[in-house]
C-alpha atoms as a PDB file:
ATOM      1  CA  UNK A   1      -8.363 -10.213  41.239  1.00  0.00           C
ATOM      2  CA  UNK A   2      -5.720 -12.606  42.572  1.00  0.00           C
ATOM      3  CA  UNK A   3      -6.422 -11.283  46.258  1.00  0.00           C
ATOM      4  CA  UNK A   4     -10.168 -11.920  45.838  1.00  0.00           C
ATOM      5  CA  UNK A   5     -10.326 -15.169  47.525  1.00  0.00           C
ATOM      6  CA  UNK A   6      -8.315 -13.936  50.669  1.00  0.00           C
ATOM      7  CA  UNK A   7     -10.816 -10.875  50.778  1.00  0.00           C
ATOM      8  CA  UNK A   8     -13.556 -13.179  50.690  1.00  0.00           C
ATOM      9  CA  UNK A   9     -12.564 -15.149  53.073  1.00  0.00           C
ATOM     10  CA  UNK A  10     -11.353 -12.448  55.611  1.00  0.00           C
ATOM     11  CA  UNK A  11     -14.533 -10.212  55.112  1.00  0.00           C
ATOM     12  CA  UNK A  12     -16.888 -13.159  55.626  1.00  0.00           C
ATOM     13  CA  UNK A  13     -14.994 -14.558  58.636  1.00  0.00           C
ATOM     14  CA  UNK A  14     -14.774 -11.046  60.044  1.00  0.00           C
ATOM     15  CA  UNK A  15     -18.621 -10.503  59.544  1.00  0.00           C
ATOM     16  CA  UNK A  16     -19.214 -13.608  61.538  1.00  0.00           C
ATOM     17  CA  UNK A  17     -16.798 -13.023  64.159  1.00  0.00           C
ATOM     18  CA  UNK A  18     -18.201  -9.235  64.712  1.00  0.00           C
ATOM     19  CA  UNK A  19     -21.744 -10.119  64.411  1.00  0.00           C
ATOM     20  CA  UNK A  20     -21.370 -12.663  67.202  1.00  0.00           C
ATOM     21  CA  UNK A  21     -19.439 -10.772  69.235  1.00  0.00           C
ATOM     22  CA  UNK A  22     -21.734  -7.877  69.173  1.00  0.00           C
ATOM     23  CA  UNK A  23     -24.536  -9.964  70.894  1.00  0.00           C
ATOM     24  CA  UNK A  24     -22.263 -11.702  73.041  1.00  0.00           C
ATOM     25  CA  UNK A  25     -21.357  -8.237  74.466  1.00  0.00           C
ATOM     26  CA  UNK A  26     -24.810  -7.669  75.525  1.00  0.00           C
ATOM     27  CA  UNK A  27     -24.660 -10.575  78.052  1.00  0.00           C
ATOM     28  CA  UNK A  28     -27.304 -13.096  79.177  1.00  0.00           C
ATOM     29  CA  UNK A  29     -29.535 -10.518  81.233  1.00  0.00           C
ATOM     30  CA  UNK A  30     -30.643  -8.275  78.276  1.00  0.00           C
ATOM     31  CA  UNK A  31     -34.126  -6.797  78.449  1.00  0.00           C
ATOM     32  CA  UNK A  32     -36.669  -8.417  75.797  1.00  0.00           C
ATOM     33  CA  UNK A  33     -40.074  -6.545  74.569  1.00  0.00           C
ATOM     34  CA  UNK A  34     -41.757  -8.272  77.771  1.00  0.00           C
ATOM     35  CA  UNK A  35     -39.869  -6.335  80.015  1.00  0.00           C
ATOM     36  CA  UNK A  36     -41.343  -3.397  81.758  1.00  0.00           C
ATOM     37  CA  UNK A  37     -40.410   0.122  81.131  1.00  0.00           C
ATOM     38  CA  UNK A  38     -38.350   0.275  84.699  1.00  0.00           C
ATOM     39  CA  UNK A  39     -36.684  -3.217  83.919  1.00  0.00           C
ATOM     40  CA  UNK A  40     -35.338  -1.692  80.584  1.00  0.00           C
ATOM     41  CA  UNK A  41     -34.386   1.376  82.161  1.00  0.00           C
ATOM     42  CA  UNK A  42     -32.596  -0.400  84.968  1.00  0.00           C
ATOM     43  CA  UNK A  43     -30.702  -2.787  82.513  1.00  0.00           C
ATOM     44  CA  UNK A  44     -29.326   0.254  80.377  1.00  0.00           C
ATOM     45  CA  UNK A  45     -28.276   2.084  83.626  1.00  0.00           C
ATOM     46  CA  UNK A  46     -26.403  -0.853  85.093  1.00  0.00           C
ATOM     47  CA  UNK A  47     -25.112  -1.937  81.489  1.00  0.00           C
ATOM     48  CA  UNK A  48     -24.390   1.232  79.529  1.00  0.00           C
ATOM     49  CA  UNK A  49     -20.716  -0.208  78.478  1.00  0.00           C
ATOM     50  CA  UNK A  50     -22.459  -3.514  77.195  1.00  0.00           C
ATOM     51  CA  UNK A  51     -24.696  -1.787  74.831  1.00  0.00           C
ATOM     52  CA  UNK A  52     -21.999   0.497  73.501  1.00  0.00           C
ATOM     53  CA  UNK A  53     -19.710  -2.445  73.005  1.00  0.00           C
ATOM     54  CA  UNK A  54     -22.691  -3.963  71.037  1.00  0.00           C
ATOM     55  CA  UNK A  55     -22.831  -0.864  68.987  1.00  0.00           C
ATOM     56  CA  UNK A  56     -19.274  -0.517  68.550  1.00  0.00           C
ATOM     57  CA  UNK A  57     -18.777  -4.100  67.158  1.00  0.00           C
ATOM     58  CA  UNK A  58     -21.898  -3.597  65.026  1.00  0.00           C
ATOM     59  CA  UNK A  59     -19.894  -0.897  63.158  1.00  0.00           C
ATOM     60  CA  UNK A  60     -17.237  -3.311  62.082  1.00  0.00           C
ATOM     61  CA  UNK A  61     -20.078  -6.047  61.342  1.00  0.00           C
ATOM     62  CA  UNK A  62     -21.429  -3.359  58.883  1.00  0.00           C
ATOM     63  CA  UNK A  63     -18.108  -2.888  57.173  1.00  0.00           C
ATOM     64  CA  UNK A  64     -17.166  -6.716  56.746  1.00  0.00           C
ATOM     65  CA  UNK A  65     -20.593  -7.470  55.663  1.00  0.00           C
ATOM     66  CA  UNK A  66     -20.481  -4.718  53.043  1.00  0.00           C
ATOM     67  CA  UNK A  67     -16.969  -5.993  51.785  1.00  0.00           C
ATOM     68  CA  UNK A  68     -18.145  -9.558  51.630  1.00  0.00           C
ATOM     69  CA  UNK A  69     -21.370  -8.789  49.734  1.00  0.00           C
ATOM     70  CA  UNK A  70     -19.571  -6.864  47.075  1.00  0.00           C
ATOM     71  CA  UNK A  71     -16.973  -9.282  46.677  1.00  0.00           C
ATOM     72  CA  UNK A  72     -19.711 -12.146  46.230  1.00  0.00           C
ATOM     73  CA  UNK A  73     -21.678 -10.018  43.997  1.00  0.00           C
ATOM     74  CA  UNK A  74     -18.858  -9.574  41.689  1.00  0.00           C
ATOM     75  CA  UNK A  75     -19.047 -13.233  41.295  1.00  0.00           C
ATOM     76  CA  UNK A  76     -22.749 -13.433  40.285  1.00  0.00           C
ATOM     77  CA  UNK A  77     -24.293 -12.544  36.910  1.00  0.00           C
ATOM     78  CA  UNK A  78     -26.666  -9.463  36.309  1.00  0.00           C
ATOM     79  CA  UNK A  79     -29.602  -8.888  37.670  1.00  0.00           C
ATOM     80  CA  UNK A  80     -28.885 -11.255  40.372  1.00  0.00           C
ATOM     81  CA  UNK A  81     -25.727  -9.485  41.531  1.00  0.00           C
ATOM     82  CA  UNK A  82     -27.807  -6.241  42.070  1.00  0.00           C
ATOM     83  CA  UNK A  83     -30.619  -7.996  43.693  1.00  0.00           C
ATOM     84  CA  UNK A  84     -28.184  -9.798  46.366  1.00  0.00           C
ATOM     85  CA  UNK A  85     -26.179  -6.636  46.933  1.00  0.00           C
ATOM     86  CA  UNK A  86     -29.462  -4.737  47.444  1.00  0.00           C
ATOM     87  CA  UNK A  87     -30.242  -7.129  50.122  1.00  0.00           C
ATOM     88  CA  UNK A  88     -26.961  -6.956  51.901  1.00  0.00           C
ATOM     89  CA  UNK A  89     -27.287  -3.029  52.215  1.00  0.00           C
ATOM     90  CA  UNK A  90     -30.563  -3.462  53.748  1.00  0.00           C
ATOM     91  CA  UNK A  91     -29.323  -5.854  56.398  1.00  0.00           C
ATOM     92  CA  UNK A  92     -26.543  -3.544  57.118  1.00  0.00           C
ATOM     93  CA  UNK A  93     -28.671  -0.560  57.267  1.00  0.00           C
ATOM     94  CA  UNK A  94     -31.169  -2.199  59.483  1.00  0.00           C
ATOM     95  CA  UNK A  95     -28.442  -3.328  61.994  1.00  0.00           C
ATOM     96  CA  UNK A  96     -26.838   0.129  61.893  1.00  0.00           C
ATOM     97  CA  UNK A  97     -30.238   1.525  62.889  1.00  0.00           C
ATOM     98  CA  UNK A  98     -30.427  -0.777  65.686  1.00  0.00           C
ATOM     99  CA  UNK A  99     -27.234  -0.038  67.081  1.00  0.00           C
ATOM    100  CA  UNK A 100     -28.063   3.806  67.152  1.00  0.00           C
ATOM    101  CA  UNK A 101     -30.966   2.837  69.368  1.00  0.00           C
ATOM    102  CA  UNK A 102     -28.915   0.937  71.935  1.00  0.00           C
ATOM    103  CA  UNK A 103     -26.362   3.239  71.809  1.00  0.00           C
ATOM    104  CA  UNK A 104     -28.400   6.366  72.268  1.00  0.00           C
ATOM    105  CA  UNK A 105     -30.200   4.587  75.116  1.00  0.00           C
ATOM    106  CA  UNK A 106     -26.973   3.961  76.913  1.00  0.00           C
ATOM    107  CA  UNK A 107     -25.514   7.643  76.849  1.00  0.00           C
ATOM    108  CA  UNK A 108     -28.109   9.148  79.133  1.00  0.00           C
ATOM    109  CA  UNK A 109     -30.362   6.579  80.824  1.00  0.00           C
ATOM    110  CA  UNK A 110     -30.418   8.609  83.943  1.00  0.00           C
ATOM    111  CA  UNK A 111     -32.300  11.197  82.196  1.00  0.00           C
ATOM    112  CA  UNK A 112     -34.936   8.977  80.793  1.00  0.00           C
ATOM    113  CA  UNK A 113     -38.568   8.032  82.210  1.00  0.00           C
ATOM    114  CA  UNK A 114     -39.528   4.732  81.872  1.00  0.00           C
ATOM    115  CA  UNK A 115     -42.258   4.873  79.392  1.00  0.00           C
ATOM    116  CA  UNK A 116     -39.721   6.639  76.915  1.00  0.00           C
ATOM    117  CA  UNK A 117     -37.139   3.970  77.714  1.00  0.00           C
ATOM    118  CA  UNK A 118     -39.663   1.143  76.861  1.00  0.00           C
ATOM    119  CA  UNK A 119     -40.670   2.919  73.425  1.00  0.00           C
ATOM    120  CA  UNK A 120     -37.173   3.418  72.339  1.00  0.00           C
ATOM    121  CA  UNK A 121     -36.327  -0.123  73.113  1.00  0.00           C
ATOM    122  CA  UNK A 122     -39.239  -1.746  71.472  1.00  0.00           C
ATOM    123  CA  UNK A 123     -38.659   0.406  68.101  1.00  0.00           C
ATOM    124  CA  UNK A 124     -35.113  -1.360  68.212  1.00  0.00           C
ATOM    125  CA  UNK A 125     -36.492  -4.983  68.615  1.00  0.00           C
ATOM    126  CA  UNK A 126     -38.476  -4.787  65.258  1.00  0.00           C
ATOM    127  CA  UNK A 127     -35.121  -5.155  63.578  1.00  0.00           C
ATOM    128  CA  UNK A 128     -35.561  -8.782  63.743  1.00  0.00           C
ATOM    129  CA  UNK A 129     -38.834  -9.211  61.716  1.00  0.00           C
ATOM    130  CA  UNK A 130     -37.839  -6.253  59.349  1.00  0.00           C
ATOM    131  CA  UNK A 131     -34.584  -7.333  58.380  1.00  0.00           C
ATOM    132  CA  UNK A 132     -36.324 -10.382  57.027  1.00  0.00           C
ATOM    133  CA  UNK A 133     -37.014  -8.606  53.701  1.00  0.00           C
ATOM    134  CA  UNK A 134     -33.585  -8.081  52.991  1.00  0.00           C
ATOM    135  CA  UNK A 135     -32.540 -11.522  54.190  1.00  0.00           C
ATOM    136  CA  UNK A 136     -34.779 -13.149  51.682  1.00  0.00           C
ATOM    137  CA  UNK A 137     -33.692 -10.569  48.886  1.00  0.00           C
ATOM    138  CA  UNK A 138     -30.133 -12.095  49.262  1.00  0.00           C
ATOM    139  CA  UNK A 139     -31.347 -15.555  49.378  1.00  0.00           C
ATOM    140  CA  UNK A 140     -33.831 -15.004  46.222  1.00  0.00           C
ATOM    141  CA  UNK A 141     -30.517 -13.826  44.252  1.00  0.00           C
ATOM    142  CA  UNK A 142     -29.055 -17.403  44.765  1.00  0.00           C
ATOM    143  CA  UNK A 143     -32.144 -19.560  43.983  1.00  0.00           C
ATOM    144  CA  UNK A 144     -32.746 -19.372  40.152  1.00  0.00           C
ATOM    145  CA  UNK A 145     -29.012 -19.930  39.683  1.00  0.00           C
ATOM    146  CA  UNK A 146     -28.692 -23.400  41.117  1.00  0.00           C
ATOM    147  CA  UNK A 147     -31.396 -24.883  39.106  1.00  0.00           C
ATOM    148  CA  UNK A 148     -32.152 -25.345  35.411  1.00  0.00           C
ATOM    149  CA  UNK A 149     -30.706 -26.882  32.806  1.00  0.00           C
ATOM    150  CA  UNK A 150     -27.144 -25.179  33.108  1.00  0.00           C
ATOM    151  CA  UNK A 151     -26.893 -23.915  36.856  1.00  0.00           C
ATOM    152  CA  UNK A 152     -24.142 -21.625  37.680  1.00  0.00           C
ATOM    153  CA  UNK A 153     -24.265 -22.489  41.383  1.00  0.00           C
ATOM    154  CA  UNK A 154     -24.117 -25.802  43.138  1.00  0.00           C
ATOM    155  CA  UNK A 155     -27.236 -27.588  43.836  1.00  0.00           C
ATOM    156  CA  UNK A 156     -26.697 -27.661  47.540  1.00  0.00           C
ATOM    157  CA  UNK A 157     -26.423 -23.993  47.892  1.00  0.00           C
ATOM    158  CA  UNK A 158     -29.500 -23.644  45.943  1.00  0.00           C
ATOM    159  CA  UNK A 159     -31.311 -25.913  48.406  1.00  0.00           C
ATOM    160  CA  UNK A 160     -29.838 -24.182  51.268  1.00  0.00           C
ATOM    161  CA  UNK A 161     -31.014 -20.905  49.856  1.00  0.00           C
ATOM    162  CA  UNK A 162     -34.256 -22.238  49.691  1.00  0.00           C
ATOM    163  CA  UNK A 163     -34.370 -23.359  53.237  1.00  0.00           C
ATOM    164  CA  UNK A 164     -33.017 -19.891  54.465  1.00  0.00           C
ATOM    165  CA  UNK A 165     -35.627 -17.987  52.067  1.00  0.00           C
ATOM    166  CA  UNK A 166     -38.382 -20.190  53.526  1.00  0.00           C
ATOM    167  CA  UNK A 167     -37.388 -19.755  57.210  1.00  0.00           C
ATOM    168  CA  UNK A 168     -37.096 -15.980  56.721  1.00  0.00           C
ATOM    169  CA  UNK A 169     -40.271 -15.771  55.086  1.00  0.00           C
ATOM    170  CA  UNK A 170     -42.116 -17.701  58.197  1.00  0.00           C
ATOM    171  CA  UNK A 171     -39.864 -15.521  60.358  1.00  0.00           C
ATOM    172  CA  UNK A 172     -41.655 -12.122  59.381  1.00  0.00           C
ATOM    173  CA  UNK A 173     -44.671 -13.310  61.556  1.00  0.00           C
ATOM    174  CA  UNK A 174     -42.711 -12.108  64.526  1.00  0.00           C
ATOM    175  CA  UNK A 175     -43.827  -8.735  63.515  1.00  0.00           C
ATOM    176  CA  UNK A 176     -47.246  -9.683  65.084  1.00  0.00           C
ATOM    177  CA  UNK A 177     -45.527 -11.430  68.058  1.00  0.00           C
ATOM    178  CA  UNK A 178     -45.850  -9.892  71.709  1.00  0.00           C
ATOM    179  CA  UNK A 179     -44.169 -12.680  73.832  1.00  0.00           C
ATOM    180  CA  UNK A 180     -41.928 -15.664  73.959  1.00  0.00           C
ATOM    181  CA  UNK A 181     -40.521 -17.413  70.911  1.00  0.00           C
ATOM    182  CA  UNK A 182     -42.466 -15.307  68.315  1.00  0.00           C
ATOM    183  CA  UNK A 183     -41.539 -11.831  70.019  1.00  0.00           C
ATOM    184  CA  UNK A 184     -39.974  -9.019  67.894  1.00  0.00           C
ATOM    185  CA  UNK A 185     -36.100  -9.607  68.572  1.00  0.00           C
ATOM    186  CA  UNK A 186     -36.836 -12.932  70.654  1.00  0.00           C
ATOM    187  CA  UNK A 187     -35.776 -16.334  70.033  1.00  0.00           C
ATOM    188  CA  UNK A 188     -36.923 -16.914  66.403  1.00  0.00           C
ATOM    189  CA  UNK A 189     -35.364 -14.081  65.210  1.00  0.00           C
ATOM    190  CA  UNK A 190     -32.107 -14.513  67.123  1.00  0.00           C
ATOM    191  CA  UNK A 191     -31.788 -18.168  67.505  1.00  0.00           C
ATOM    192  CA  UNK A 192     -33.528 -19.868  64.735  1.00  0.00           C
ATOM    193  CA  UNK A 193     -33.071 -17.288  62.090  1.00  0.00           C
ATOM    194  CA  UNK A 194     -29.589 -16.470  63.346  1.00  0.00           C
ATOM    195  CA  UNK A 195     -28.586 -19.996  63.205  1.00  0.00           C
ATOM    196  CA  UNK A 196     -29.873 -20.733  59.612  1.00  0.00           C
ATOM    197  CA  UNK A 197     -28.446 -17.458  58.716  1.00  0.00           C
ATOM    198  CA  UNK A 198     -25.379 -17.918  59.716  1.00  0.00           C
ATOM    199  CA  UNK A 199     -25.280 -21.616  57.877  1.00  0.00           C
ATOM    200  CA  UNK A 200     -26.344 -19.902  54.889  1.00  0.00           C
ATOM    201  CA  UNK A 201     -23.440 -17.016  54.828  1.00  0.00           C
ATOM    202  CA  UNK A 202     -20.992 -19.777  55.446  1.00  0.00           C
ATOM    203  CA  UNK A 203     -22.323 -21.992  52.594  1.00  0.00           C
ATOM    204  CA  UNK A 204     -22.103 -18.642  50.235  1.00  0.00           C
ATOM    205  CA  UNK A 205     -18.309 -18.256  52.017  1.00  0.00           C
ATOM    206  CA  UNK A 206     -17.604 -21.597  50.976  1.00  0.00           C
ATOM    207  CA  UNK A 207     -18.879 -21.360  47.185  1.00  0.00           C
ATOM    208  CA  UNK A 208     -17.278 -17.820  46.775  1.00  0.00           C
ATOM    209  CA  UNK A 209     -13.704 -18.271  48.039  1.00  0.00           C
ATOM    210  CA  UNK A 210     -13.568 -21.646  45.803  1.00  0.00           C
ATOM    211  CA  UNK A 211     -14.841 -19.755  42.671  1.00  0.00           C
ATOM    212  CA  UNK A 212     -12.951 -16.883  43.200  1.00  0.00           C
ATOM    213  CA  UNK A 213      -9.827 -19.139  43.623  1.00  0.00           C
ATOM    214  CA  UNK A 214     -10.596 -21.128  40.321  1.00  0.00           C
ATOM    215  CA  UNK A 215     -11.181 -17.862  38.461  1.00  0.00           C
ATOM    216  CA  UNK A 216      -7.881 -16.513  39.787  1.00  0.00           C
END
C-alpha cells in the first residue's frame, strides 16, 4: 500500500494527541482512590463537562489506536501480528470501559449517593493495573523479533520493548495499592507507565513508518 506510511503516521500521532487530550480534559483537581465519596460526588457535580470531554476524546483515541495497531500488525510476521493486535484490542476495550464509567458518573451526579459514586469511581480506577496485561502482550510480540541470528526488527526497538514489558509487569502491583504512587490509577500508572508507554509507541511508530515506506 503506497499510503500505508502516511496512515501509520497519521493514526499513531492521532492516538498520541487524543490520549494526551483525554487526560488534559480532566484537569488537575481530579479525584483519586484516596478521595472520599463526598469528594468524588462534588467533583463530578462541578466538572461533569470535563468528564464528558474525557469520554469523547477517549472515543477517538480508541479509533486511532485500532487503525494504528492494524497497520503495524500487517508489518509483523505470524503469529506475532495476532499477539500484538490482541493486545491493542485489549487496551482499546479497557479504555472504553473506563470512559463509560466517567461519562456515566457525570450524567446525573445529583441523583447519586456518596457511597455509590465512590464505588463506581473506584471500579474505573482499576483500568491502570488491568490494562498492563494488554500492554505487556503488545511488547511481548516485538521482543523475539529483535534478537537472534536473523532479527526482523532493529535491536534498539527490541530493548525498548523489553524495558516497556518489564515496567508494565512491575506496574501490575498497583492492583494491591491503596494510596500514593502505587494506587490504582495513580502516579505509577499515569506518569511512569504513561511516559514509558508513550516512548514505546513512538518507537514503534518510527520503525513502522520507515519499514512501510521502504516496502512501498
